[in-house]
Amino acid sequence: MYEDALAQVDLFSTLNKKELQVLAKSCQPRSYSADSTIISQGDSGVGLYVILKGKVRIQQANDPDKAEEVISVVGPGEVLGEMALLDDLPRSASVVTLEEVDALLLPVWEFRSILRNHPDIALKLLAVLSKRLRKAESRQAD
C-alpha cells in the first residue's frame, strides 16, 4: 500500500519491491495540522517519518540564549528521524509543520524487527548510510 511512497525515499531506494512491501506493512499513516511539532529535540525517537504531503521545518537549538536555528525545510519524499532508529540517542533537532502534513511513521521496534528478520535490508540501508557519511565528510573537508 505504501511501498510506492517508500520507493521514492533515498534511504530505501536500493530496496526491491518485496523488501519495500515488508517495510510498508509496518508503516502507520499520520496527519498533522500546520504549526504542529512532529519531533522535539531531546526526546527519544519513536520511529522514522516519511513526508507524503506538505512541508516541515527542521530546527535546532544550540544555544539556550538564542532562538532555534532553521537547518532546512523539506517536503514530500523526505525522511525524518532515521538516526534514532539506529542509535537510541535523543532527537538532535525539532521538526515543525509549515502546512498540513501527511506522513508515514515506521516505529523503531517494527524497524528493528524487520532488520533482524531481513538482514539483506539491513545491508542495503547500511550502504546508503555509508554513502551519506562519505558525502558529508567530503563537504566538511572542502
N, C-alpha and C. Protein backbone atom coordinates (compact mmCIF):
# COMPACT_ATOMS: atom_id res chain seq x y z
N MET A 1 0.82 -1.20 0.00
CA MET A 1 0.00 0.00 0.00
C MET A 1 0.87 1.27 0.00
N TYR A 2 1.92 1.29 0.82
CA TYR A 2 2.79 2.46 0.90
C TYR A 2 4.13 2.23 0.22
N GLU A 3 4.30 1.10 -0.42
CA GLU A 3 5.62 0.79 -0.99
C GLU A 3 6.04 1.78 -2.08
N ASP A 4 5.08 2.32 -2.84
CA ASP A 4 5.44 3.30 -3.87
C ASP A 4 6.01 4.57 -3.24
N ALA A 5 5.42 5.00 -2.13
CA ALA A 5 5.93 6.18 -1.42
C ALA A 5 7.32 5.90 -0.85
N LEU A 6 7.52 4.73 -0.30
CA LEU A 6 8.83 4.38 0.27
C LEU A 6 9.90 4.29 -0.82
N ALA A 7 9.51 3.83 -2.00
CA ALA A 7 10.46 3.70 -3.11
C ALA A 7 11.03 5.04 -3.53
N GLN A 8 10.30 6.13 -3.26
CA GLN A 8 10.75 7.48 -3.63
C GLN A 8 11.75 8.06 -2.64
N VAL A 9 11.94 7.37 -1.51
CA VAL A 9 12.82 7.86 -0.45
C VAL A 9 14.24 7.37 -0.69
N ASP A 10 15.20 8.29 -0.65
CA ASP A 10 16.59 7.95 -0.91
C ASP A 10 17.08 6.79 -0.03
N LEU A 11 16.72 6.81 1.24
CA LEU A 11 17.18 5.77 2.17
C LEU A 11 16.75 4.37 1.71
N PHE A 12 15.59 4.28 1.08
CA PHE A 12 15.05 2.98 0.68
C PHE A 12 15.19 2.71 -0.82
N SER A 13 15.93 3.55 -1.53
CA SER A 13 16.00 3.48 -2.99
C SER A 13 16.63 2.20 -3.53
N THR A 14 17.41 1.50 -2.72
CA THR A 14 18.07 0.28 -3.21
C THR A 14 17.27 -0.99 -2.89
N LEU A 15 16.14 -0.83 -2.21
CA LEU A 15 15.33 -1.99 -1.84
C LEU A 15 14.47 -2.44 -3.01
N ASN A 16 14.26 -3.74 -3.12
CA ASN A 16 13.38 -4.25 -4.17
C ASN A 16 11.92 -4.20 -3.71
N LYS A 17 11.01 -4.53 -4.60
CA LYS A 17 9.58 -4.41 -4.32
C LYS A 17 9.15 -5.24 -3.10
N LYS A 18 9.66 -6.45 -2.99
CA LYS A 18 9.30 -7.31 -1.86
C LYS A 18 9.78 -6.70 -0.54
N GLU A 19 11.01 -6.17 -0.54
CA GLU A 19 11.56 -5.55 0.67
C GLU A 19 10.77 -4.29 1.04
N LEU A 20 10.38 -3.51 0.03
CA LEU A 20 9.56 -2.32 0.28
C LEU A 20 8.19 -2.72 0.87
N GLN A 21 7.64 -3.81 0.40
CA GLN A 21 6.35 -4.28 0.93
C GLN A 21 6.48 -4.67 2.41
N VAL A 22 7.60 -5.28 2.76
CA VAL A 22 7.83 -5.65 4.17
C VAL A 22 7.82 -4.40 5.04
N LEU A 23 8.54 -3.36 4.61
CA LEU A 23 8.56 -2.10 5.37
C LEU A 23 7.19 -1.43 5.40
N ALA A 24 6.54 -1.42 4.25
CA ALA A 24 5.24 -0.74 4.12
C ALA A 24 4.19 -1.31 5.07
N LYS A 25 4.24 -2.61 5.31
CA LYS A 25 3.27 -3.25 6.20
C LYS A 25 3.36 -2.72 7.62
N SER A 26 4.52 -2.21 8.01
CA SER A 26 4.71 -1.71 9.37
C SER A 26 4.50 -0.20 9.49
N CYS A 27 4.27 0.47 8.38
CA CYS A 27 4.07 1.92 8.41
C CYS A 27 2.66 2.28 8.88
N GLN A 28 2.60 3.38 9.61
CA GLN A 28 1.34 3.90 10.12
C GLN A 28 1.12 5.31 9.58
N PRO A 29 -0.04 5.58 8.97
CA PRO A 29 -0.28 6.94 8.46
C PRO A 29 -0.50 7.93 9.60
N ARG A 30 0.01 9.14 9.41
CA ARG A 30 -0.15 10.20 10.39
C ARG A 30 -0.47 11.50 9.65
N SER A 31 -1.31 12.33 10.25
CA SER A 31 -1.64 13.64 9.69
C SER A 31 -1.42 14.69 10.76
N TYR A 32 -0.89 15.84 10.34
CA TYR A 32 -0.58 16.93 11.26
C TYR A 32 -1.09 18.24 10.67
N SER A 33 -1.64 19.10 11.51
CA SER A 33 -2.05 20.42 11.05
C SER A 33 -0.84 21.34 11.01
N ALA A 34 -1.01 22.49 10.40
CA ALA A 34 0.08 23.46 10.31
C ALA A 34 0.52 23.88 11.71
N ASP A 35 1.80 24.14 11.86
CA ASP A 35 2.42 24.59 13.10
C ASP A 35 2.36 23.53 14.22
N SER A 36 2.41 22.27 13.83
CA SER A 36 2.46 21.17 14.80
C SER A 36 3.89 20.66 14.91
N THR A 37 4.28 20.27 16.10
CA THR A 37 5.60 19.70 16.30
C THR A 37 5.50 18.18 16.14
N ILE A 38 6.25 17.66 15.18
CA ILE A 38 6.27 16.22 14.94
C ILE A 38 7.35 15.57 15.80
N ILE A 39 8.51 16.23 15.86
CA ILE A 39 9.65 15.73 16.62
C ILE A 39 10.18 16.88 17.46
N SER A 40 10.47 16.60 18.73
CA SER A 40 11.07 17.62 19.61
C SER A 40 12.51 17.24 19.93
N GLN A 41 13.40 18.20 19.75
CA GLN A 41 14.81 17.98 20.06
C GLN A 41 14.94 17.52 21.51
N GLY A 42 15.76 16.48 21.71
CA GLY A 42 15.99 15.95 23.05
C GLY A 42 15.11 14.77 23.42
N ASP A 43 13.98 14.60 22.73
CA ASP A 43 13.09 13.46 23.01
C ASP A 43 13.72 12.17 22.50
N SER A 44 13.23 11.06 23.02
CA SER A 44 13.67 9.77 22.46
C SER A 44 12.89 9.53 21.17
N GLY A 45 13.51 8.81 20.27
CA GLY A 45 12.90 8.58 18.96
C GLY A 45 11.95 7.40 18.98
N VAL A 46 10.74 7.63 18.46
CA VAL A 46 9.77 6.53 18.37
C VAL A 46 9.78 5.89 17.00
N GLY A 47 10.42 6.57 16.04
CA GLY A 47 10.46 5.99 14.72
C GLY A 47 10.90 6.98 13.66
N LEU A 48 10.80 6.53 12.44
CA LEU A 48 11.18 7.30 11.26
C LEU A 48 9.91 7.81 10.60
N TYR A 49 9.96 9.01 10.07
CA TYR A 49 8.82 9.59 9.37
C TYR A 49 9.17 9.81 7.91
N VAL A 50 8.23 9.51 7.03
CA VAL A 50 8.37 9.81 5.61
C VAL A 50 7.28 10.83 5.28
N ILE A 51 7.68 11.98 4.76
CA ILE A 51 6.72 13.02 4.40
C ILE A 51 6.06 12.64 3.08
N LEU A 52 4.74 12.56 3.09
CA LEU A 52 3.98 12.26 1.88
C LEU A 52 3.45 13.52 1.23
N LYS A 53 3.00 14.47 2.08
CA LYS A 53 2.39 15.72 1.59
C LYS A 53 2.70 16.82 2.58
N GLY A 54 3.02 18.02 2.06
CA GLY A 54 3.26 19.16 2.92
C GLY A 54 4.74 19.40 3.16
N LYS A 55 5.03 20.47 3.92
CA LYS A 55 6.42 20.83 4.21
C LYS A 55 6.63 21.01 5.70
N VAL A 56 7.86 20.70 6.13
CA VAL A 56 8.23 20.85 7.53
C VAL A 56 9.54 21.63 7.64
N ARG A 57 9.72 22.26 8.79
CA ARG A 57 10.95 22.98 9.09
C ARG A 57 11.73 22.17 10.12
N ILE A 58 13.00 21.92 9.82
CA ILE A 58 13.88 21.23 10.76
C ILE A 58 14.70 22.32 11.45
N GLN A 59 14.63 22.35 12.78
CA GLN A 59 15.31 23.40 13.53
C GLN A 59 16.05 22.81 14.72
N GLN A 60 17.09 23.54 15.14
CA GLN A 60 17.94 23.02 16.20
C GLN A 60 18.30 24.16 17.17
N ALA A 61 18.24 23.84 18.45
CA ALA A 61 18.64 24.79 19.49
C ALA A 61 20.04 24.43 19.95
N ASN A 62 21.01 25.26 19.63
CA ASN A 62 22.39 25.01 20.02
C ASN A 62 22.82 25.85 21.21
N ASP A 63 22.13 26.96 21.42
CA ASP A 63 22.47 27.89 22.49
C ASP A 63 21.18 28.29 23.19
N PRO A 64 21.06 28.03 24.52
CA PRO A 64 19.82 28.33 25.22
C PRO A 64 19.44 29.81 25.22
N ASP A 65 20.41 30.69 24.95
CA ASP A 65 20.14 32.13 24.93
C ASP A 65 19.74 32.65 23.55
N LYS A 66 19.72 31.77 22.57
CA LYS A 66 19.39 32.19 21.20
C LYS A 66 18.20 31.40 20.68
N ALA A 67 17.56 31.94 19.67
CA ALA A 67 16.43 31.25 19.03
C ALA A 67 16.94 30.01 18.30
N GLU A 68 16.03 29.07 18.08
CA GLU A 68 16.40 27.88 17.33
C GLU A 68 16.83 28.26 15.92
N GLU A 69 17.84 27.57 15.42
CA GLU A 69 18.34 27.81 14.07
C GLU A 69 17.64 26.87 13.10
N VAL A 70 17.14 27.42 11.99
CA VAL A 70 16.50 26.59 10.97
C VAL A 70 17.59 25.90 10.16
N ILE A 71 17.54 24.59 10.14
CA ILE A 71 18.54 23.80 9.41
C ILE A 71 18.10 23.63 7.95
N SER A 72 16.82 23.29 7.77
CA SER A 72 16.30 23.13 6.40
C SER A 72 14.78 23.04 6.42
N VAL A 73 14.24 23.14 5.23
CA VAL A 73 12.81 22.93 5.00
C VAL A 73 12.72 21.79 4.00
N VAL A 74 11.94 20.78 4.33
CA VAL A 74 11.82 19.61 3.45
C VAL A 74 10.35 19.27 3.21
N GLY A 75 10.12 18.48 2.16
CA GLY A 75 8.76 18.12 1.78
C GLY A 75 8.63 16.67 1.38
N PRO A 76 7.68 16.39 0.51
CA PRO A 76 7.37 15.01 0.13
C PRO A 76 8.59 14.22 -0.34
N GLY A 77 8.65 12.97 0.13
CA GLY A 77 9.74 12.07 -0.24
C GLY A 77 10.93 12.14 0.71
N GLU A 78 10.89 13.09 1.65
CA GLU A 78 11.99 13.22 2.60
C GLU A 78 11.72 12.37 3.83
N VAL A 79 12.80 11.94 4.46
CA VAL A 79 12.71 11.10 5.65
C VAL A 79 13.23 11.88 6.85
N LEU A 80 12.60 11.68 7.99
CA LEU A 80 12.96 12.37 9.23
C LEU A 80 13.17 11.34 10.33
N GLY A 81 14.19 11.54 11.14
CA GLY A 81 14.37 10.71 12.32
C GLY A 81 15.01 9.37 12.11
N GLU A 82 15.70 9.19 10.99
CA GLU A 82 16.30 7.88 10.72
C GLU A 82 17.42 7.54 11.68
N MET A 83 18.13 8.53 12.19
CA MET A 83 19.24 8.25 13.11
C MET A 83 18.73 7.58 14.39
N ALA A 84 17.57 7.99 14.85
CA ALA A 84 17.02 7.42 16.09
C ALA A 84 16.69 5.94 15.94
N LEU A 85 16.53 5.47 14.71
CA LEU A 85 16.26 4.05 14.50
C LEU A 85 17.47 3.19 14.82
N LEU A 86 18.63 3.82 14.77
CA LEU A 86 19.86 3.06 14.89
C LEU A 86 20.62 3.30 16.18
N ASP A 87 20.57 4.52 16.73
CA ASP A 87 21.49 4.81 17.83
C ASP A 87 20.87 5.02 19.21
N ASP A 88 19.59 5.06 19.34
CA ASP A 88 18.91 5.24 20.63
C ASP A 88 19.27 6.55 21.34
N LEU A 89 19.85 7.50 20.64
CA LEU A 89 20.18 8.78 21.24
C LEU A 89 18.99 9.73 21.11
N PRO A 90 18.95 10.78 21.93
CA PRO A 90 17.84 11.74 21.83
C PRO A 90 17.81 12.41 20.46
N ARG A 91 16.64 12.90 20.09
CA ARG A 91 16.48 13.60 18.81
C ARG A 91 17.41 14.81 18.76
N SER A 92 18.10 14.97 17.64
CA SER A 92 19.09 16.03 17.50
C SER A 92 18.50 17.35 17.02
N ALA A 93 17.23 17.34 16.60
CA ALA A 93 16.58 18.55 16.10
C ALA A 93 15.08 18.41 16.29
N SER A 94 14.39 19.52 16.16
CA SER A 94 12.92 19.53 16.19
C SER A 94 12.40 19.65 14.77
N VAL A 95 11.19 19.14 14.55
CA VAL A 95 10.55 19.23 13.24
C VAL A 95 9.15 19.80 13.46
N VAL A 96 8.87 20.92 12.77
CA VAL A 96 7.60 21.62 12.91
C VAL A 96 6.96 21.74 11.53
N THR A 97 5.67 21.47 11.44
CA THR A 97 4.98 21.56 10.16
C THR A 97 4.77 23.02 9.76
N LEU A 98 4.93 23.30 8.48
CA LEU A 98 4.68 24.63 7.93
C LEU A 98 3.29 24.73 7.33
N GLU A 99 2.70 23.58 7.07
CA GLU A 99 1.36 23.46 6.49
C GLU A 99 0.83 22.09 6.88
N GLU A 100 -0.34 21.73 6.41
CA GLU A 100 -0.86 20.39 6.71
C GLU A 100 0.10 19.36 6.13
N VAL A 101 0.38 18.34 6.92
CA VAL A 101 1.34 17.32 6.51
C VAL A 101 0.73 15.93 6.69
N ASP A 102 0.91 15.11 5.68
CA ASP A 102 0.61 13.68 5.78
C ASP A 102 1.95 12.96 5.76
N ALA A 103 2.09 12.00 6.65
CA ALA A 103 3.36 11.28 6.77
C ALA A 103 3.11 9.82 7.09
N LEU A 104 4.15 9.03 6.94
CA LEU A 104 4.15 7.64 7.38
C LEU A 104 5.11 7.54 8.55
N LEU A 105 4.70 6.83 9.57
CA LEU A 105 5.56 6.55 10.72
C LEU A 105 5.96 5.08 10.66
N LEU A 106 7.25 4.83 10.69
CA LEU A 106 7.78 3.47 10.80
C LEU A 106 8.36 3.36 12.20
N PRO A 107 7.62 2.73 13.13
CA PRO A 107 8.07 2.66 14.52
C PRO A 107 9.40 1.92 14.66
N VAL A 108 10.21 2.38 15.60
CA VAL A 108 11.55 1.84 15.79
C VAL A 108 11.52 0.33 16.09
N TRP A 109 10.60 -0.13 16.93
CA TRP A 109 10.55 -1.55 17.28
C TRP A 109 10.18 -2.40 16.06
N GLU A 110 9.31 -1.88 15.18
CA GLU A 110 8.96 -2.60 13.95
C GLU A 110 10.17 -2.65 13.02
N PHE A 111 10.84 -1.50 12.88
CA PHE A 111 12.01 -1.40 12.01
C PHE A 111 13.09 -2.39 12.43
N ARG A 112 13.38 -2.43 13.72
CA ARG A 112 14.43 -3.33 14.21
C ARG A 112 14.05 -4.80 14.03
N SER A 113 12.79 -5.11 14.21
CA SER A 113 12.32 -6.48 13.98
C SER A 113 12.50 -6.87 12.51
N ILE A 114 12.19 -5.93 11.62
CA ILE A 114 12.37 -6.18 10.18
C ILE A 114 13.83 -6.45 9.88
N LEU A 115 14.73 -5.64 10.44
CA LEU A 115 16.16 -5.83 10.17
C LEU A 115 16.67 -7.17 10.68
N ARG A 116 16.16 -7.60 11.84
CA ARG A 116 16.56 -8.91 12.37
C ARG A 116 16.11 -10.05 11.46
N ASN A 117 14.91 -9.89 10.90
CA ASN A 117 14.33 -10.96 10.08
C ASN A 117 14.71 -10.87 8.60
N HIS A 118 15.24 -9.71 8.19
CA HIS A 118 15.60 -9.49 6.78
C HIS A 118 16.97 -8.81 6.71
N PRO A 119 18.03 -9.55 6.97
CA PRO A 119 19.37 -8.94 7.01
C PRO A 119 19.79 -8.28 5.69
N ASP A 120 19.24 -8.71 4.56
CA ASP A 120 19.59 -8.06 3.29
C ASP A 120 19.13 -6.61 3.28
N ILE A 121 17.99 -6.33 3.91
CA ILE A 121 17.51 -4.95 4.01
C ILE A 121 18.51 -4.13 4.83
N ALA A 122 18.97 -4.70 5.93
CA ALA A 122 19.94 -4.00 6.78
C ALA A 122 21.21 -3.67 6.00
N LEU A 123 21.72 -4.61 5.23
CA LEU A 123 22.95 -4.37 4.46
C LEU A 123 22.75 -3.27 3.42
N LYS A 124 21.61 -3.26 2.77
CA LYS A 124 21.33 -2.23 1.76
C LYS A 124 21.22 -0.85 2.41
N LEU A 125 20.57 -0.78 3.57
CA LEU A 125 20.43 0.50 4.26
C LEU A 125 21.79 1.00 4.76
N LEU A 126 22.62 0.09 5.24
CA LEU A 126 23.97 0.47 5.69
C LEU A 126 24.78 1.06 4.53
N ALA A 127 24.63 0.51 3.35
CA ALA A 127 25.35 1.04 2.19
C ALA A 127 24.91 2.47 1.87
N VAL A 128 23.61 2.73 1.95
CA VAL A 128 23.10 4.08 1.70
C VAL A 128 23.60 5.04 2.77
N LEU A 129 23.55 4.62 4.03
CA LEU A 129 24.02 5.48 5.12
C LEU A 129 25.51 5.74 5.02
N SER A 130 26.28 4.76 4.60
CA SER A 130 27.71 4.93 4.41
C SER A 130 27.98 5.96 3.32
N LYS A 131 27.23 5.90 2.24
CA LYS A 131 27.38 6.86 1.15
C LYS A 131 27.09 8.28 1.64
N ARG A 132 26.04 8.42 2.47
CA ARG A 132 25.70 9.73 3.05
C ARG A 132 26.84 10.26 3.91
N LEU A 133 27.42 9.39 4.71
CA LEU A 133 28.52 9.78 5.60
C LEU A 133 29.73 10.24 4.79
N ARG A 134 30.06 9.49 3.75
CA ARG A 134 31.19 9.87 2.89
C ARG A 134 30.94 11.26 2.26
N LYS A 135 29.72 11.48 1.81
CA LYS A 135 29.37 12.77 1.20
C LYS A 135 29.51 13.90 2.22
N ALA A 136 29.04 13.67 3.44
CA ALA A 136 29.13 14.69 4.49
C ALA A 136 30.59 14.97 4.85
N GLU A 137 31.38 13.93 4.92
CA GLU A 137 32.80 14.10 5.25
C GLU A 137 33.53 14.86 4.16
N SER A 138 33.21 14.61 2.90
CA SER A 138 33.89 15.32 1.82
C SER A 138 33.49 16.79 1.79
N ARG A 139 32.26 17.11 2.17
CA ARG A 139 31.83 18.51 2.27
C ARG A 139 32.57 19.22 3.38
N GLN A 140 32.78 18.51 4.49
CA GLN A 140 33.49 19.07 5.64
C GLN A 140 34.94 19.36 5.30
N ALA A 141 35.53 18.50 4.49
CA ALA A 141 36.93 18.66 4.11
C ALA A 141 37.14 19.85 3.18
N ASP A 142 36.11 20.22 2.44
CA ASP A 142 36.22 21.34 1.48
C ASP A 142 36.28 22.69 2.14
